[in-house]
Protein backbone atom coordinates (compact mmCIF):
# COMPACT_ATOMS: atom_id res chain seq x y z
CA MET A 1 -32.63 18.54 12.21
CA LEU A 2 -33.60 14.97 13.11
CA LYS A 3 -31.87 13.63 9.99
CA PHE A 4 -28.64 15.43 10.91
CA ALA A 5 -28.81 14.11 14.46
CA LEU A 6 -29.29 10.52 13.23
CA ILE A 7 -26.34 10.80 10.84
CA SER A 8 -24.12 12.17 13.60
CA LEU A 9 -25.22 9.39 15.94
CA PHE A 10 -24.55 6.69 13.33
CA THR A 11 -21.08 8.16 12.62
CA LEU A 12 -20.28 8.20 16.33
CA ILE A 13 -21.45 4.60 16.84
CA SER A 14 -19.53 3.39 13.76
CA THR A 15 -16.35 5.05 15.00
CA TYR A 16 -16.36 2.97 18.17
CA LEU A 17 -18.46 -0.12 17.41
CA PHE A 18 -16.63 -1.19 14.24
CA CYS A 19 -13.12 -0.13 15.28
CA ILE A 20 -10.36 -1.53 17.45
CA GLU A 21 -7.33 0.05 19.09
CA VAL A 22 -3.87 -1.19 18.13
CA PRO A 23 -0.35 0.00 19.05
CA GLY A 24 1.76 1.59 16.35
CA TYR A 25 3.81 4.61 15.42
CA TYR A 26 3.84 7.56 13.06
CA ILE A 27 6.62 9.72 11.63
CA THR A 28 6.26 13.49 11.81
CA LEU A 29 7.23 15.98 9.13
CA GLU A 30 10.39 16.56 11.22
CA ASN A 31 11.22 12.81 11.01
CA ASP A 32 10.42 12.14 14.68
CA THR A 33 8.98 8.69 15.41
CA ILE A 34 6.03 8.83 17.81
CA GLN A 35 4.73 5.68 19.51
CA THR A 36 0.95 5.75 19.91
CA THR A 37 -2.30 3.79 19.78
CA PHE A 38 -4.44 3.93 16.65
CA ARG A 39 -8.17 3.42 16.30
CA VAL A 40 -8.70 1.52 13.04
CA PRO A 41 -11.53 -0.41 11.30
CA ASP A 42 -11.58 -3.93 12.73
CA LYS A 43 -11.75 -5.51 9.27
CA LEU A 44 -9.59 -3.62 6.82
CA GLU A 45 -9.70 -6.22 4.06
CA ARG A 46 -13.47 -6.31 4.04
CA GLY A 47 -14.73 -2.91 5.04
CA GLN A 48 -18.00 -1.22 4.31
CA TYR A 49 -19.71 -2.69 1.22
CA ALA A 50 -16.66 -4.20 -0.44
CA ILE A 51 -13.21 -5.72 -0.10
CA GLY A 52 -10.68 -3.12 0.97
CA GLY A 53 -13.35 -0.63 2.01
CA GLY A 54 -11.74 -0.17 5.41
CA TYR A 55 -8.63 1.21 3.76
CA LEU A 56 -10.65 4.02 2.21
CA LYS A 57 -10.99 5.48 5.70
CA ILE A 58 -7.37 5.32 6.80
CA GLN A 59 -6.11 6.58 3.44
CA LYS A 60 -7.59 9.96 4.34
CA GLU A 61 -6.81 10.10 8.06
CA ILE A 62 -5.83 7.95 11.03
CA ILE A 63 -7.01 8.45 14.61
CA SER A 64 -4.27 8.51 17.24
CA VAL A 65 -5.23 7.99 20.89
CA GLN A 66 -2.77 9.07 23.58
CA ASP A 67 -3.64 9.47 27.27
CA GLY A 68 -7.30 9.30 26.38
CA ILE A 69 -6.99 12.18 23.92
CA GLU A 70 -7.94 11.58 20.28
CA LYS A 71 -6.19 13.28 17.39
CA LYS A 72 -6.87 12.92 13.68
CA LEU A 73 -3.66 12.72 11.66
CA THR A 74 -3.78 13.59 7.96
CA PRO A 75 -1.23 13.40 5.10
CA LYS A 76 -0.54 17.10 5.64
CA GLU A 77 0.62 16.45 9.21
CA ILE A 78 2.70 13.26 9.09
CA LYS A 79 4.83 11.29 6.59
CA GLU A 80 3.72 7.77 7.41
CA PHE A 81 2.23 5.49 10.03
CA SER A 82 2.35 1.79 10.83
CA PHE A 83 0.63 -0.77 13.04
CA ASN A 84 0.23 -4.53 13.31
CA LEU A 85 -3.17 -6.14 12.74
CA ASP A 86 -3.67 -9.90 13.09
CA GLY A 87 0.06 -10.49 12.66
CA ILE A 88 0.27 -8.37 9.49
CA GLU A 89 2.23 -5.13 9.40
CA ILE A 90 0.20 -2.32 7.87
CA ARG A 91 2.40 0.56 6.78
CA MET A 92 1.00 3.62 5.04
CA LEU A 93 3.07 6.29 3.25
CA VAL A 94 2.03 9.70 2.00
CA LYS A 95 1.76 9.62 -1.80
CA HIS A 96 -0.24 11.52 -4.40
CA SER A 97 -3.59 9.92 -5.20
CA MET A 98 -4.56 8.67 -8.64
CA ASP A 99 -7.64 10.81 -8.10
CA TYR A 100 -6.21 14.30 -8.51
CA ASN A 101 -9.17 15.73 -6.62
CA LEU A 102 -7.94 13.99 -3.46
CA GLY A 103 -4.37 15.28 -3.49
CA ASP A 104 -2.04 13.48 -1.08
CA ILE A 105 -3.30 10.39 0.74
CA PHE A 106 -1.85 7.49 2.73
CA LYS A 107 -1.02 4.55 0.45
CA ARG A 108 -0.31 1.06 1.71
CA VAL A 109 3.20 -0.34 1.30
CA ILE A 110 2.84 -3.79 -0.28
CA PHE A 111 6.58 -4.42 -0.54
CA GLU A 112 9.74 -2.37 -0.12
CA GLY A 113 13.25 -3.53 -0.86
CA GLN A 114 16.52 -2.17 -2.12
CA HIS A 115 15.52 -2.53 -5.78
CA VAL A 116 11.73 -2.37 -5.86
CA MET A 117 8.84 -0.76 -4.02
CA VAL A 118 5.12 -1.45 -4.45
CA VAL A 119 2.34 0.64 -2.94
CA GLY A 120 -1.40 0.20 -3.24
CA GLU A 121 -4.25 2.69 -3.36
CA TYR A 122 -7.86 1.72 -2.74
CA LEU A 123 -10.48 3.35 -4.93
CA ARG A 124 -14.27 3.19 -5.09
CA PHE A 125 -15.64 2.20 -8.49
CA ARG A 126 -19.12 2.00 -9.86
CA GLY A 127 -20.02 -1.63 -10.27
CA SER A 128 -22.16 -4.42 -8.97
CA LEU A 129 -21.78 -6.28 -5.71
CA ASN A 130 -24.54 -8.65 -4.66
CA GLY A 131 -26.82 -7.01 -7.16
CA GLY A 132 -25.71 -3.40 -6.97
CA GLY A 133 -23.68 -0.69 -5.26
CA ASN A 134 -20.06 0.34 -5.60
CA VAL A 135 -16.94 -1.82 -5.64
CA THR A 136 -13.69 -1.04 -3.85
CA GLY A 137 -10.54 -2.14 -5.65
CA VAL A 138 -6.82 -1.65 -5.25
CA LYS A 139 -4.51 -0.06 -7.81
CA TYR A 140 -0.75 -0.59 -7.69
CA TRP A 141 2.23 1.67 -8.16
CA VAL A 142 5.66 0.10 -8.73
CA THR A 143 9.00 1.90 -8.50
CA ILE A 144 12.10 0.08 -9.80
CA LYS A 145 15.53 1.25 -8.62
CA HIS A 146 18.16 0.40 -11.24
CA SER A 147 21.83 -0.39 -10.71
CA ASP A 148 22.85 2.94 -12.29
CA ASN A 149 21.01 4.81 -9.50
CA THR A 150 18.12 5.77 -11.78
CA SER A 151 14.55 4.74 -11.11
CA THR A 152 11.38 4.21 -13.11
CA SER A 153 7.79 4.18 -11.92
CA ASP A 154 4.72 2.56 -13.40
CA SER A 155 1.16 2.69 -12.14
CA GLU A 156 -2.12 1.12 -13.13
CA SER A 157 -4.77 3.38 -14.54
CA ALA A 158 -8.11 3.88 -12.86
CA GLU A 159 -9.78 2.19 -15.83
CA SER A 160 -7.74 -1.00 -16.14
CA ASN A 161 -5.43 -3.42 -14.31
CA TRP A 162 -2.06 -4.70 -15.42
CA GLY A 163 -2.12 -7.78 -17.59
CA LYS A 164 0.59 -10.37 -18.19
CA LYS A 165 2.39 -8.32 -20.83
CA ALA A 166 2.52 -5.14 -18.71
CA LEU A 167 3.82 -7.00 -15.65
CA ALA A 168 6.48 -8.80 -17.66
CA ASP A 169 7.66 -5.47 -19.06
CA ILE A 170 7.90 -3.85 -15.60
CA PHE A 171 9.98 -6.70 -14.15
CA LYS A 172 11.91 -7.45 -17.36
CA GLU A 173 15.34 -7.24 -15.66
CA CYS A 174 14.70 -10.64 -14.07
CA PRO A 175 14.03 -13.40 -16.66
CA LYS A 176 13.06 -15.87 -13.92
CA VAL A 177 10.23 -13.62 -12.72
CA VAL A 178 9.17 -12.83 -16.29
CA GLY A 179 8.96 -16.56 -17.01
CA LYS A 180 6.64 -17.13 -14.06
CA ILE A 181 4.46 -14.21 -15.12
CA GLN A 182 4.21 -15.47 -18.70
CA ALA A 183 3.40 -18.97 -17.43
CA LYS A 184 0.68 -17.44 -15.21
CA ILE A 185 2.35 -18.87 -12.09
CA LEU A 186 2.52 -15.30 -10.79
CA LYS A 187 -0.35 -12.96 -11.59
CA ARG A 188 -1.35 -9.40 -10.90
CA ASP A 189 -2.85 -10.23 -7.50
CA ASP A 190 0.52 -11.77 -6.54
CA ILE A 191 2.24 -8.39 -6.89
CA GLY A 192 3.82 -8.69 -3.42
CA MET A 193 5.34 -12.10 -4.27
CA ILE A 194 6.45 -10.82 -7.68
CA ALA A 195 8.25 -7.90 -6.05
CA GLU A 196 9.85 -10.16 -3.43
CA GLU A 197 11.17 -12.60 -6.04
CA TYR A 198 12.35 -9.72 -8.21
CA GLU A 199 14.23 -8.26 -5.24
CA GLU A 200 15.97 -11.57 -4.52
CA CYS A 201 16.76 -12.00 -8.21
CA LEU A 202 18.52 -8.63 -8.45
CA LYS A 203 20.34 -9.14 -5.15
CA SER A 204 21.67 -12.46 -6.40
CA ALA A 205 22.74 -10.89 -9.70
CA SER A 206 24.49 -8.06 -7.83
CA GLN A 207 26.39 -10.50 -5.62
CA THR A 208 27.44 -12.53 -8.66
CA ASN A 209 28.73 -9.40 -10.39
CA LYS A 210 30.73 -8.37 -7.32
CA SER A 211 32.21 -11.86 -7.02
CA THR A 212 33.24 -11.76 -10.69
CA GLU A 213 34.82 -8.32 -10.26
CA ASN A 214 36.81 -9.50 -7.23
CA THR A 215 38.00 -12.57 -9.15
CA ASP A 216 39.12 -10.39 -12.07
CA LYS A 217 41.09 -8.13 -9.72
CA THR A 218 43.01 -11.06 -8.19
CA GLU A 219 44.02 -12.52 -11.52
């Protein structure tokens, strides 16, 4: 009985002591946008025990506070949510987890453009951190939208991260980006920058093709 009471007390203290309230919005299953205030971990990038640990909490649920009333929002109730923390937009979309036991969770949008989208999922792994414990790491999922309206998706496995060869293959439609990957100028941890450069590369190529088509028509 005492043990249960102490656990409940610690959970209650953690909810308020290590969290902050930030304005944001969420989108309902009916596509309505609701402005609200969220209670989130104050340090998402370095949460409990390991880097990214704070994201483990908001991947499962987010606490909305409106008129002093708290409501836990889960992936079964909303499509996405977003807020700004320290000048960085944090946007989370409902996607299926790499851990099939978890089902749908909120995944963080790393980059979204017309041609490419990258989302990240934080997972807890067995490992060593300061001598022991678990390690929290992020796994990426990339969706490429092709000019013929088809799309392909690639995701890292729970056991390994993308290397140079895998990244170059995913972004092969842009030789400039591939060159930077092969030269190790852009690496796996630069996935947001890779996606951004890839997006600009394909936009430029599309504009060039349209300009060529217009020139051909006038001749």
